[in-house]
Amino acid sequence: MERAPGPNMRALYSLFAKPYDRARRAAAHYTAIVSQARRAEFYESLGVPDTLDGRFDLIVLHASLYLKRLRVAGPEGRDLAQAVFDNMFDNLDQSLRELGVGDITLPKKIRAMVSAFYGRAAAYDKALSEEDEAALDEALVRNVYAGQAPGEDVIARLAAYLRATAKALAEVSDDALLSNQFHWLTP
């Protein structure tokens, strides 16, 4: 006859299960962010360069909006946002290793990417919160287009997409967001 796990076994299971579950959920959220950032429309009709830098900048663009919203979804949201962030940089670390970046230069490159993430996220957040269209356009040209504006209409379409996505994220329920049920907009 089997005994039900006692309180100590439940506590031990909980200690290991929660981080594993959070990491699994974080990976699913990050996969959704990357899938959105890799949509062909960004590269074909919005002129984002289909390069490592262009891909990185679109991941940062989406992750910055998503993580900001996730952090306001209570303690579970804050923990999950940190896990998604960690997953993102673990994934970027692995990608750089696969591209042949060596152990000596890898930490410097990751630090630069983390710094770039925070700088871009702050620029997007400030421009969106102040509803400063010029600042948003400048941030998009500087970051996504590496200083080479593809045309005002293209910038305006990407900025409109960004504002609409921020609005959709603000309106989604915490439960839907936490369970990875946010439906990304079409670029």
N, C-alpha and C. Protein backbone atom coordinates (compact mmCIF):
# COMPACT_ATOMS: atom_id res chain seq x y z
N MET A 1 0.84 -1.17 0.00
CA MET A 1 0.00 0.00 0.00
C MET A 1 0.89 1.24 0.00
N GLU A 2 0.60 2.17 -0.94
CA GLU A 2 1.40 3.40 -1.03
C GLU A 2 0.86 4.46 -0.10
N ARG A 3 1.79 5.18 0.46
CA ARG A 3 1.40 6.30 1.30
C ARG A 3 1.39 7.57 0.46
N ALA A 4 0.50 8.44 0.80
CA ALA A 4 0.49 9.75 0.17
C ALA A 4 1.72 10.50 0.63
N PRO A 5 2.29 11.31 -0.25
CA PRO A 5 3.48 12.05 0.18
C PRO A 5 3.15 12.94 1.36
N GLY A 6 4.03 12.95 2.31
CA GLY A 6 3.84 13.79 3.48
C GLY A 6 4.16 15.24 3.18
N PRO A 7 3.98 16.09 4.15
CA PRO A 7 4.22 17.52 3.93
C PRO A 7 5.65 17.84 3.48
N ASN A 8 6.62 17.08 3.98
CA ASN A 8 8.00 17.35 3.58
C ASN A 8 8.24 17.01 2.12
N MET A 9 7.64 15.93 1.63
CA MET A 9 7.77 15.55 0.22
C MET A 9 7.09 16.58 -0.67
N ARG A 10 5.94 17.07 -0.25
CA ARG A 10 5.24 18.09 -1.04
C ARG A 10 6.07 19.36 -1.12
N ALA A 11 6.66 19.75 -0.02
CA ALA A 11 7.49 20.95 -0.01
C ALA A 11 8.71 20.76 -0.91
N LEU A 12 9.31 19.58 -0.86
CA LEU A 12 10.47 19.30 -1.70
C LEU A 12 10.06 19.31 -3.17
N TYR A 13 8.94 18.67 -3.49
CA TYR A 13 8.44 18.65 -4.86
C TYR A 13 8.18 20.07 -5.34
N SER A 14 7.53 20.87 -4.51
CA SER A 14 7.20 22.25 -4.86
C SER A 14 8.46 23.06 -5.11
N LEU A 15 9.49 22.82 -4.32
CA LEU A 15 10.74 23.54 -4.47
C LEU A 15 11.34 23.35 -5.86
N PHE A 16 11.25 22.12 -6.39
CA PHE A 16 11.83 21.82 -7.69
C PHE A 16 10.83 22.01 -8.83
N ALA A 17 9.57 21.79 -8.60
CA ALA A 17 8.57 21.86 -9.66
C ALA A 17 8.30 23.29 -10.12
N LYS A 18 8.23 24.22 -9.19
CA LYS A 18 7.92 25.60 -9.57
C LYS A 18 8.97 26.20 -10.50
N PRO A 19 10.26 26.12 -10.17
CA PRO A 19 11.25 26.68 -11.11
C PRO A 19 11.22 25.97 -12.47
N TYR A 20 11.03 24.65 -12.47
CA TYR A 20 10.97 23.92 -13.74
C TYR A 20 9.75 24.36 -14.54
N ASP A 21 8.61 24.45 -13.88
CA ASP A 21 7.38 24.88 -14.56
C ASP A 21 7.54 26.30 -15.09
N ARG A 22 8.12 27.19 -14.28
CA ARG A 22 8.32 28.58 -14.71
C ARG A 22 9.26 28.63 -15.91
N ALA A 23 10.32 27.85 -15.90
CA ALA A 23 11.26 27.83 -17.02
C ALA A 23 10.59 27.30 -18.29
N ARG A 24 9.77 26.29 -18.14
CA ARG A 24 9.04 25.72 -19.28
C ARG A 24 8.08 26.75 -19.85
N ARG A 25 7.35 27.43 -18.97
CA ARG A 25 6.41 28.46 -19.40
C ARG A 25 7.16 29.63 -20.03
N ALA A 26 8.29 30.02 -19.45
CA ALA A 26 9.08 31.12 -19.99
C ALA A 26 9.55 30.80 -21.41
N ALA A 27 9.97 29.56 -21.62
CA ALA A 27 10.40 29.15 -22.96
C ALA A 27 9.26 29.27 -23.97
N ALA A 28 8.06 28.90 -23.55
CA ALA A 28 6.90 29.01 -24.44
C ALA A 28 6.58 30.47 -24.75
N HIS A 29 6.65 31.34 -23.76
CA HIS A 29 6.42 32.77 -23.98
C HIS A 29 7.49 33.35 -24.91
N TYR A 30 8.73 32.99 -24.67
CA TYR A 30 9.81 33.51 -25.51
C TYR A 30 9.67 33.01 -26.94
N THR A 31 9.27 31.77 -27.11
CA THR A 31 9.04 31.23 -28.46
C THR A 31 7.97 32.03 -29.18
N ALA A 32 6.92 32.42 -28.47
CA ALA A 32 5.86 33.24 -29.08
C ALA A 32 6.40 34.61 -29.50
N ILE A 33 7.24 35.20 -28.67
CA ILE A 33 7.85 36.50 -29.00
C ILE A 33 8.71 36.37 -30.26
N VAL A 34 9.54 35.35 -30.31
CA VAL A 34 10.43 35.15 -31.46
C VAL A 34 9.61 34.85 -32.72
N SER A 35 8.58 34.05 -32.59
CA SER A 35 7.73 33.75 -33.75
C SER A 35 7.12 35.02 -34.33
N GLN A 36 6.68 35.91 -33.46
CA GLN A 36 6.12 37.17 -33.93
C GLN A 36 7.20 38.02 -34.59
N ALA A 37 8.37 38.08 -33.97
CA ALA A 37 9.46 38.90 -34.50
C ALA A 37 9.97 38.37 -35.84
N ARG A 38 9.77 37.12 -36.12
CA ARG A 38 10.25 36.50 -37.36
C ARG A 38 9.20 36.51 -38.48
N ARG A 39 8.06 37.14 -38.25
CA ARG A 39 7.04 37.18 -39.30
C ARG A 39 7.59 37.88 -40.54
N ALA A 40 7.29 37.30 -41.67
CA ALA A 40 7.83 37.79 -42.95
C ALA A 40 7.43 39.23 -43.25
N GLU A 41 6.28 39.66 -42.78
CA GLU A 41 5.83 41.02 -43.08
C GLU A 41 6.81 42.10 -42.62
N PHE A 42 7.47 41.86 -41.51
CA PHE A 42 8.44 42.84 -41.01
C PHE A 42 9.58 43.04 -42.01
N TYR A 43 10.00 41.98 -42.62
CA TYR A 43 11.15 42.02 -43.51
C TYR A 43 10.76 42.36 -44.94
N GLU A 44 9.59 41.90 -45.35
CA GLU A 44 9.16 42.10 -46.74
C GLU A 44 8.48 43.44 -46.96
N SER A 45 7.54 43.81 -46.11
CA SER A 45 6.80 45.05 -46.38
C SER A 45 7.16 46.20 -45.45
N LEU A 46 7.86 45.91 -44.35
CA LEU A 46 8.26 47.00 -43.44
C LEU A 46 9.76 47.28 -43.51
N GLY A 47 10.45 46.61 -44.40
CA GLY A 47 11.83 46.94 -44.69
C GLY A 47 12.85 46.70 -43.59
N VAL A 48 12.49 45.88 -42.59
CA VAL A 48 13.47 45.57 -41.54
C VAL A 48 14.55 44.68 -42.17
N PRO A 49 15.81 45.01 -41.99
CA PRO A 49 16.87 44.18 -42.58
C PRO A 49 16.82 42.76 -42.01
N ASP A 50 16.83 41.77 -42.89
CA ASP A 50 16.82 40.37 -42.45
C ASP A 50 18.26 39.95 -42.19
N THR A 51 18.79 40.52 -41.11
CA THR A 51 20.16 40.27 -40.68
C THR A 51 20.12 39.89 -39.20
N LEU A 52 21.25 39.52 -38.66
CA LEU A 52 21.30 39.22 -37.22
C LEU A 52 20.87 40.43 -36.41
N ASP A 53 21.34 41.61 -36.80
CA ASP A 53 20.97 42.83 -36.07
C ASP A 53 19.48 43.13 -36.22
N GLY A 54 18.96 43.00 -37.42
CA GLY A 54 17.53 43.25 -37.65
C GLY A 54 16.66 42.29 -36.85
N ARG A 55 17.04 41.04 -36.83
CA ARG A 55 16.29 40.04 -36.06
C ARG A 55 16.36 40.33 -34.57
N PHE A 56 17.56 40.66 -34.09
CA PHE A 56 17.73 41.00 -32.68
C PHE A 56 16.85 42.19 -32.32
N ASP A 57 16.86 43.22 -33.15
CA ASP A 57 16.08 44.41 -32.83
C ASP A 57 14.58 44.14 -32.81
N LEU A 58 14.09 43.26 -33.66
CA LEU A 58 12.67 42.93 -33.61
C LEU A 58 12.32 42.09 -32.39
N ILE A 59 13.23 41.21 -31.99
CA ILE A 59 13.00 40.46 -30.75
C ILE A 59 12.96 41.42 -29.57
N VAL A 60 13.91 42.34 -29.53
CA VAL A 60 13.95 43.34 -28.44
C VAL A 60 12.69 44.18 -28.44
N LEU A 61 12.26 44.63 -29.61
CA LEU A 61 11.06 45.44 -29.73
C LEU A 61 9.86 44.73 -29.11
N HIS A 62 9.65 43.47 -29.49
CA HIS A 62 8.51 42.71 -28.98
C HIS A 62 8.69 42.33 -27.51
N ALA A 63 9.89 41.89 -27.15
CA ALA A 63 10.14 41.47 -25.77
C ALA A 63 9.99 42.65 -24.81
N SER A 64 10.43 43.83 -25.21
CA SER A 64 10.34 44.97 -24.30
C SER A 64 8.89 45.30 -23.98
N LEU A 65 8.02 45.27 -24.98
CA LEU A 65 6.60 45.52 -24.75
C LEU A 65 5.98 44.42 -23.89
N TYR A 66 6.29 43.19 -24.26
CA TYR A 66 5.69 42.03 -23.61
C TYR A 66 6.12 41.92 -22.14
N LEU A 67 7.41 42.08 -21.90
CA LEU A 67 7.91 41.94 -20.53
C LEU A 67 7.41 43.07 -19.63
N LYS A 68 7.29 44.27 -20.19
CA LYS A 68 6.75 45.38 -19.40
C LYS A 68 5.34 45.05 -18.93
N ARG A 69 4.53 44.52 -19.84
CA ARG A 69 3.15 44.18 -19.48
C ARG A 69 3.12 43.00 -18.51
N LEU A 70 3.97 42.02 -18.73
CA LEU A 70 4.00 40.84 -17.87
C LEU A 70 4.38 41.21 -16.44
N ARG A 71 5.28 42.18 -16.29
CA ARG A 71 5.71 42.58 -14.94
C ARG A 71 4.60 43.20 -14.11
N VAL A 72 3.56 43.73 -14.72
CA VAL A 72 2.47 44.32 -13.95
C VAL A 72 1.34 43.32 -13.70
N ALA A 73 1.57 42.06 -14.04
CA ALA A 73 0.57 41.01 -13.83
C ALA A 73 0.78 40.32 -12.49
N GLY A 74 1.15 41.08 -11.47
CA GLY A 74 1.31 40.54 -10.12
C GLY A 74 2.63 39.82 -9.93
N PRO A 75 2.80 39.21 -8.75
CA PRO A 75 4.06 38.51 -8.45
C PRO A 75 4.37 37.39 -9.44
N GLU A 76 3.35 36.66 -9.85
CA GLU A 76 3.57 35.58 -10.82
C GLU A 76 4.07 36.17 -12.15
N GLY A 77 3.50 37.29 -12.55
CA GLY A 77 3.93 37.95 -13.77
C GLY A 77 5.36 38.45 -13.69
N ARG A 78 5.73 39.03 -12.55
CA ARG A 78 7.12 39.50 -12.38
C ARG A 78 8.10 38.34 -12.45
N ASP A 79 7.76 37.24 -11.77
CA ASP A 79 8.64 36.08 -11.80
C ASP A 79 8.75 35.50 -13.21
N LEU A 80 7.62 35.44 -13.90
CA LEU A 80 7.62 34.90 -15.26
C LEU A 80 8.38 35.84 -16.20
N ALA A 81 8.21 37.15 -16.03
CA ALA A 81 8.94 38.11 -16.87
C ALA A 81 10.44 37.92 -16.71
N GLN A 82 10.90 37.74 -15.48
CA GLN A 82 12.33 37.52 -15.26
C GLN A 82 12.78 36.22 -15.91
N ALA A 83 11.95 35.19 -15.82
CA ALA A 83 12.29 33.91 -16.43
C ALA A 83 12.33 34.01 -17.96
N VAL A 84 11.43 34.78 -18.55
CA VAL A 84 11.43 34.99 -20.01
C VAL A 84 12.69 35.75 -20.40
N PHE A 85 13.02 36.80 -19.65
CA PHE A 85 14.23 37.57 -19.91
C PHE A 85 15.47 36.66 -19.84
N ASP A 86 15.55 35.85 -18.80
CA ASP A 86 16.67 34.93 -18.65
C ASP A 86 16.73 33.94 -19.81
N ASN A 87 15.56 33.42 -20.20
CA ASN A 87 15.49 32.49 -21.32
C ASN A 87 15.96 33.15 -22.61
N MET A 88 15.55 34.40 -22.80
CA MET A 88 15.94 35.14 -24.01
C MET A 88 17.46 35.24 -24.10
N PHE A 89 18.10 35.63 -23.01
CA PHE A 89 19.55 35.80 -23.07
C PHE A 89 20.30 34.47 -23.04
N ASP A 90 19.73 33.44 -22.46
CA ASP A 90 20.32 32.10 -22.59
C ASP A 90 20.28 31.67 -24.06
N ASN A 91 19.15 31.94 -24.71
CA ASN A 91 19.00 31.59 -26.12
C ASN A 91 19.97 32.38 -26.99
N LEU A 92 20.10 33.68 -26.71
CA LEU A 92 21.03 34.50 -27.48
C LEU A 92 22.48 34.05 -27.25
N ASP A 93 22.80 33.67 -26.03
CA ASP A 93 24.12 33.14 -25.71
C ASP A 93 24.39 31.90 -26.56
N GLN A 94 23.42 30.99 -26.58
CA GLN A 94 23.57 29.75 -27.35
C GLN A 94 23.71 30.04 -28.84
N SER A 95 22.93 31.00 -29.34
CA SER A 95 23.01 31.36 -30.76
C SER A 95 24.38 31.91 -31.11
N LEU A 96 24.92 32.76 -30.25
CA LEU A 96 26.26 33.30 -30.50
C LEU A 96 27.31 32.19 -30.49
N ARG A 97 27.17 31.26 -29.58
CA ARG A 97 28.11 30.13 -29.54
C ARG A 97 28.04 29.33 -30.84
N GLU A 98 26.81 29.11 -31.34
CA GLU A 98 26.65 28.36 -32.59
C GLU A 98 27.24 29.11 -33.78
N LEU A 99 27.28 30.44 -33.68
CA LEU A 99 27.88 31.25 -34.74
C LEU A 99 29.40 31.32 -34.62
N GLY A 100 29.95 30.71 -33.58
CA GLY A 100 31.39 30.64 -33.43
C GLY A 100 32.01 31.66 -32.51
N VAL A 101 31.20 32.40 -31.77
CA VAL A 101 31.75 33.36 -30.82
C VAL A 101 32.40 32.56 -29.69
N GLY A 102 33.63 32.90 -29.38
CA GLY A 102 34.39 32.16 -28.38
C GLY A 102 34.07 32.55 -26.95
N ASP A 103 34.48 31.70 -26.04
CA ASP A 103 34.23 31.90 -24.61
C ASP A 103 34.84 33.20 -24.08
N ILE A 104 35.90 33.66 -24.69
CA ILE A 104 36.57 34.86 -24.20
C ILE A 104 35.76 36.11 -24.54
N THR A 105 35.23 36.19 -25.73
CA THR A 105 34.50 37.39 -26.15
C THR A 105 33.00 37.31 -25.87
N LEU A 106 32.49 36.12 -25.60
CA LEU A 106 31.05 35.95 -25.41
C LEU A 106 30.47 36.82 -24.28
N PRO A 107 31.05 36.84 -23.09
CA PRO A 107 30.48 37.68 -22.03
C PRO A 107 30.37 39.15 -22.41
N LYS A 108 31.36 39.67 -23.12
CA LYS A 108 31.34 41.07 -23.55
C LYS A 108 30.19 41.30 -24.53
N LYS A 109 30.00 40.37 -25.45
CA LYS A 109 28.91 40.51 -26.42
C LYS A 109 27.54 40.43 -25.74
N ILE A 110 27.40 39.53 -24.79
CA ILE A 110 26.12 39.40 -24.07
C ILE A 110 25.86 40.66 -23.25
N ARG A 111 26.88 41.19 -22.58
CA ARG A 111 26.70 42.45 -21.83
C ARG A 111 26.26 43.56 -22.76
N ALA A 112 26.83 43.63 -23.95
CA ALA A 112 26.44 44.66 -24.91
C ALA A 112 24.98 44.46 -25.35
N MET A 113 24.57 43.22 -25.51
CA MET A 113 23.19 42.93 -25.91
C MET A 113 22.21 43.29 -24.78
N VAL A 114 22.58 42.99 -23.55
CA VAL A 114 21.73 43.34 -22.41
C VAL A 114 21.60 44.86 -22.33
N SER A 115 22.70 45.55 -22.48
CA SER A 115 22.69 47.01 -22.46
C SER A 115 21.82 47.55 -23.60
N ALA A 116 21.95 46.98 -24.77
CA ALA A 116 21.14 47.40 -25.92
C ALA A 116 19.66 47.16 -25.63
N PHE A 117 19.34 46.03 -25.02
CA PHE A 117 17.95 45.73 -24.69
C PHE A 117 17.38 46.83 -23.79
N TYR A 118 18.09 47.13 -22.69
CA TYR A 118 17.58 48.12 -21.75
C TYR A 118 17.48 49.51 -22.38
N GLY A 119 18.46 49.88 -23.18
CA GLY A 119 18.41 51.18 -23.84
C GLY A 119 17.25 51.30 -24.81
N ARG A 120 17.05 50.27 -25.61
CA ARG A 120 15.95 50.28 -26.58
C ARG A 120 14.60 50.24 -25.85
N ALA A 121 14.50 49.38 -24.85
CA ALA A 121 13.24 49.28 -24.10
C ALA A 121 12.88 50.62 -23.47
N ALA A 122 13.87 51.31 -22.91
CA ALA A 122 13.61 52.61 -22.29
C ALA A 122 13.16 53.63 -23.33
N ALA A 123 13.79 53.62 -24.50
CA ALA A 123 13.42 54.57 -25.56
C ALA A 123 11.99 54.31 -26.05
N TYR A 124 11.66 53.04 -26.27
CA TYR A 124 10.29 52.72 -26.73
C TYR A 124 9.27 53.06 -25.66
N ASP A 125 9.58 52.70 -24.43
CA ASP A 125 8.64 52.96 -23.33
C ASP A 125 8.39 54.46 -23.16
N LYS A 126 9.45 55.24 -23.18
CA LYS A 126 9.30 56.68 -23.01
C LYS A 126 8.49 57.29 -24.16
N ALA A 127 8.80 56.92 -25.38
CA ALA A 127 8.09 57.48 -26.53
C ALA A 127 6.62 57.07 -26.52
N LEU A 128 6.34 55.82 -26.13
CA LEU A 128 4.95 55.35 -26.09
C LEU A 128 4.19 55.98 -24.94
N SER A 129 4.80 56.09 -23.77
CA SER A 129 4.09 56.63 -22.61
C SER A 129 3.83 58.12 -22.75
N GLU A 130 4.72 58.83 -23.43
CA GLU A 130 4.52 60.27 -23.64
C GLU A 130 3.78 60.57 -24.93
N GLU A 131 3.44 59.50 -25.66
CA GLU A 131 2.77 59.63 -26.96
C GLU A 131 3.54 60.59 -27.87
N ASP A 132 4.85 60.45 -27.87
CA ASP A 132 5.74 61.29 -28.65
C ASP A 132 6.08 60.56 -29.96
N GLU A 133 5.32 60.90 -31.01
CA GLU A 133 5.49 60.21 -32.29
C GLU A 133 6.88 60.41 -32.87
N ALA A 134 7.41 61.63 -32.76
CA ALA A 134 8.75 61.89 -33.31
C ALA A 134 9.80 61.06 -32.58
N ALA A 135 9.70 60.96 -31.27
CA ALA A 135 10.68 60.17 -30.50
C ALA A 135 10.56 58.69 -30.85
N LEU A 136 9.34 58.20 -31.04
CA LEU A 136 9.17 56.80 -31.42
C LEU A 136 9.75 56.55 -32.80
N ASP A 137 9.47 57.43 -33.75
CA ASP A 137 10.02 57.30 -35.10
C ASP A 137 11.55 57.30 -35.05
N GLU A 138 12.13 58.21 -34.27
CA GLU A 138 13.59 58.29 -34.15
C GLU A 138 14.17 57.01 -33.55
N ALA A 139 13.51 56.49 -32.51
CA ALA A 139 13.99 55.25 -31.88
C ALA A 139 13.92 54.09 -32.86
N LEU A 140 12.87 54.01 -33.65
CA LEU A 140 12.74 52.93 -34.63
C LEU A 140 13.81 53.05 -35.72
N VAL A 141 14.02 54.25 -36.23
CA VAL A 141 15.04 54.45 -37.26
C VAL A 141 16.42 54.10 -36.70
N ARG A 142 16.73 54.60 -35.51
CA ARG A 142 18.04 54.38 -34.89
C ARG A 142 18.29 52.90 -34.60
N ASN A 143 17.27 52.21 -34.10
CA ASN A 143 17.47 50.83 -33.65
C ASN A 143 17.12 49.79 -34.70
N VAL A 144 15.89 49.79 -35.15
CA VAL A 144 15.44 48.74 -36.08
C VAL A 144 16.07 48.89 -37.46
N TYR A 145 16.22 50.14 -37.89
CA TYR A 145 16.74 50.38 -39.24
C TYR A 145 18.20 50.84 -39.25
N ALA A 146 18.87 50.74 -38.12
CA ALA A 146 20.30 51.08 -38.00
C ALA A 146 20.63 52.45 -38.59
N GLY A 147 19.73 53.41 -38.39
CA GLY A 147 19.97 54.77 -38.84
C GLY A 147 19.61 55.05 -40.29
N GLN A 148 19.19 54.04 -41.02
CA GLN A 148 18.85 54.18 -42.44
C GLN A 148 17.34 54.11 -42.62
N ALA A 149 16.67 55.25 -42.56
CA ALA A 149 15.20 55.29 -42.66
C ALA A 149 14.74 54.75 -44.02
N PRO A 150 13.84 53.78 -44.02
CA PRO A 150 13.37 53.21 -45.29
C PRO A 150 12.28 54.06 -45.95
N GLY A 151 11.83 55.11 -45.30
CA GLY A 151 10.77 55.96 -45.82
C GLY A 151 9.77 56.27 -44.72
N GLU A 152 9.22 57.47 -44.77
CA GLU A 152 8.30 57.90 -43.71
C GLU A 152 7.09 57.00 -43.58
N ASP A 153 6.55 56.54 -44.72
CA ASP A 153 5.35 55.70 -44.65
C ASP A 153 5.65 54.38 -43.96
N VAL A 154 6.82 53.83 -44.20
CA VAL A 154 7.19 52.56 -43.57
C VAL A 154 7.38 52.76 -42.07
N ILE A 155 8.06 53.82 -41.69
CA ILE A 155 8.26 54.12 -40.27
C ILE A 155 6.91 54.34 -39.60
N ALA A 156 6.03 55.07 -40.26
CA ALA A 156 4.70 55.34 -39.69
C ALA A 156 3.92 54.04 -39.50
N ARG A 157 4.04 53.10 -40.43
CA ARG A 157 3.33 51.81 -40.30
C ARG A 157 3.90 50.98 -39.16
N LEU A 158 5.23 50.96 -39.02
CA LEU A 158 5.82 50.21 -37.91
C LEU A 158 5.47 50.86 -36.58
N ALA A 159 5.50 52.18 -36.52
CA ALA A 159 5.13 52.89 -35.28
C ALA A 159 3.67 52.63 -34.93
N ALA A 160 2.79 52.63 -35.92
CA ALA A 160 1.37 52.36 -35.67
C ALA A 160 1.19 50.93 -35.15
N TYR A 161 1.92 49.99 -35.73
CA TYR A 161 1.88 48.61 -35.25
C TYR A 161 2.34 48.54 -33.79
N LEU A 162 3.41 49.24 -33.48
CA LEU A 162 3.96 49.22 -32.13
C LEU A 162 2.95 49.79 -31.13
N ARG A 163 2.34 50.92 -31.47
CA ARG A 163 1.33 51.51 -30.59
C ARG A 163 0.12 50.58 -30.43
N ALA A 164 -0.34 49.97 -31.50
CA ALA A 164 -1.49 49.07 -31.43
C ALA A 164 -1.15 47.83 -30.60
N THR A 165 0.07 47.33 -30.72
CA THR A 165 0.48 46.17 -29.94
C THR A 165 0.57 46.52 -28.46
N ALA A 166 1.11 47.68 -28.14
CA ALA A 166 1.17 48.13 -26.74
C ALA A 166 -0.23 48.24 -26.17
N LYS A 167 -1.16 48.77 -26.96
CA LYS A 167 -2.56 48.91 -26.51
C LYS A 167 -3.19 47.54 -26.30
N ALA A 168 -2.98 46.62 -27.23
CA ALA A 168 -3.54 45.27 -27.11
C ALA A 168 -2.98 44.56 -25.88
N LEU A 169 -1.70 44.74 -25.61
CA LEU A 169 -1.10 44.14 -24.42
C LEU A 169 -1.70 44.74 -23.16
N ALA A 170 -1.95 46.04 -23.16
CA ALA A 170 -2.53 46.70 -21.99
C ALA A 170 -3.95 46.19 -21.72
N GLU A 171 -4.64 45.80 -22.77
CA GLU A 171 -6.04 45.38 -22.64
C GLU A 171 -6.23 43.90 -22.37
N VAL A 172 -5.21 43.08 -22.59
CA VAL A 172 -5.35 41.65 -22.37
C VAL A 172 -5.41 41.38 -20.86
N SER A 173 -6.18 40.40 -20.47
CA SER A 173 -6.28 40.08 -19.05
C SER A 173 -4.98 39.44 -18.55
N ASP A 174 -4.74 39.60 -17.25
CA ASP A 174 -3.56 38.98 -16.66
C ASP A 174 -3.58 37.47 -16.87
N ASP A 175 -4.75 36.85 -16.67
CA ASP A 175 -4.84 35.39 -16.82
C ASP A 175 -4.48 34.95 -18.24
N ALA A 176 -5.00 35.67 -19.23
CA ALA A 176 -4.69 35.32 -20.62
C ALA A 176 -3.21 35.50 -20.90
N LEU A 177 -2.64 36.57 -20.40
CA LEU A 177 -1.22 36.83 -20.62
C LEU A 177 -0.36 35.77 -19.95
N LEU A 178 -0.66 35.49 -18.68
CA LEU A 178 0.13 34.50 -17.94
C LEU A 178 0.05 33.11 -18.54
N SER A 179 -1.07 32.81 -19.18
CA SER A 179 -1.21 31.48 -19.78
C SER A 179 -0.82 31.48 -21.26
N ASN A 180 -0.10 32.54 -21.69
CA ASN A 180 0.44 32.64 -23.04
C ASN A 180 -0.67 32.63 -24.10
N GLN A 181 -1.77 33.30 -23.78
CA GLN A 181 -2.91 33.36 -24.70
C GLN A 181 -3.03 34.71 -25.39
N PHE A 182 -1.98 35.52 -25.36
CA PHE A 182 -2.02 36.80 -26.05
C PHE A 182 -1.93 36.55 -27.54
N HIS A 183 -2.81 37.18 -28.29
CA HIS A 183 -2.80 37.03 -29.74
C HIS A 183 -2.12 38.25 -30.36
N TRP A 184 -0.94 38.01 -30.90
CA TRP A 184 -0.15 39.08 -31.50
C TRP A 184 -0.89 39.65 -32.71
N LEU A 185 -0.69 40.92 -32.95
CA LEU A 185 -1.31 41.59 -34.10
C LEU A 185 -0.54 41.30 -35.37
N THR A 186 -1.22 41.46 -36.48
CA THR A 186 -0.56 41.32 -37.77
C THR A 186 0.20 42.61 -38.06
N PRO A 187 1.47 42.50 -38.42
CA PRO A 187 2.24 43.72 -38.71
C PRO A 187 1.71 44.45 -39.94
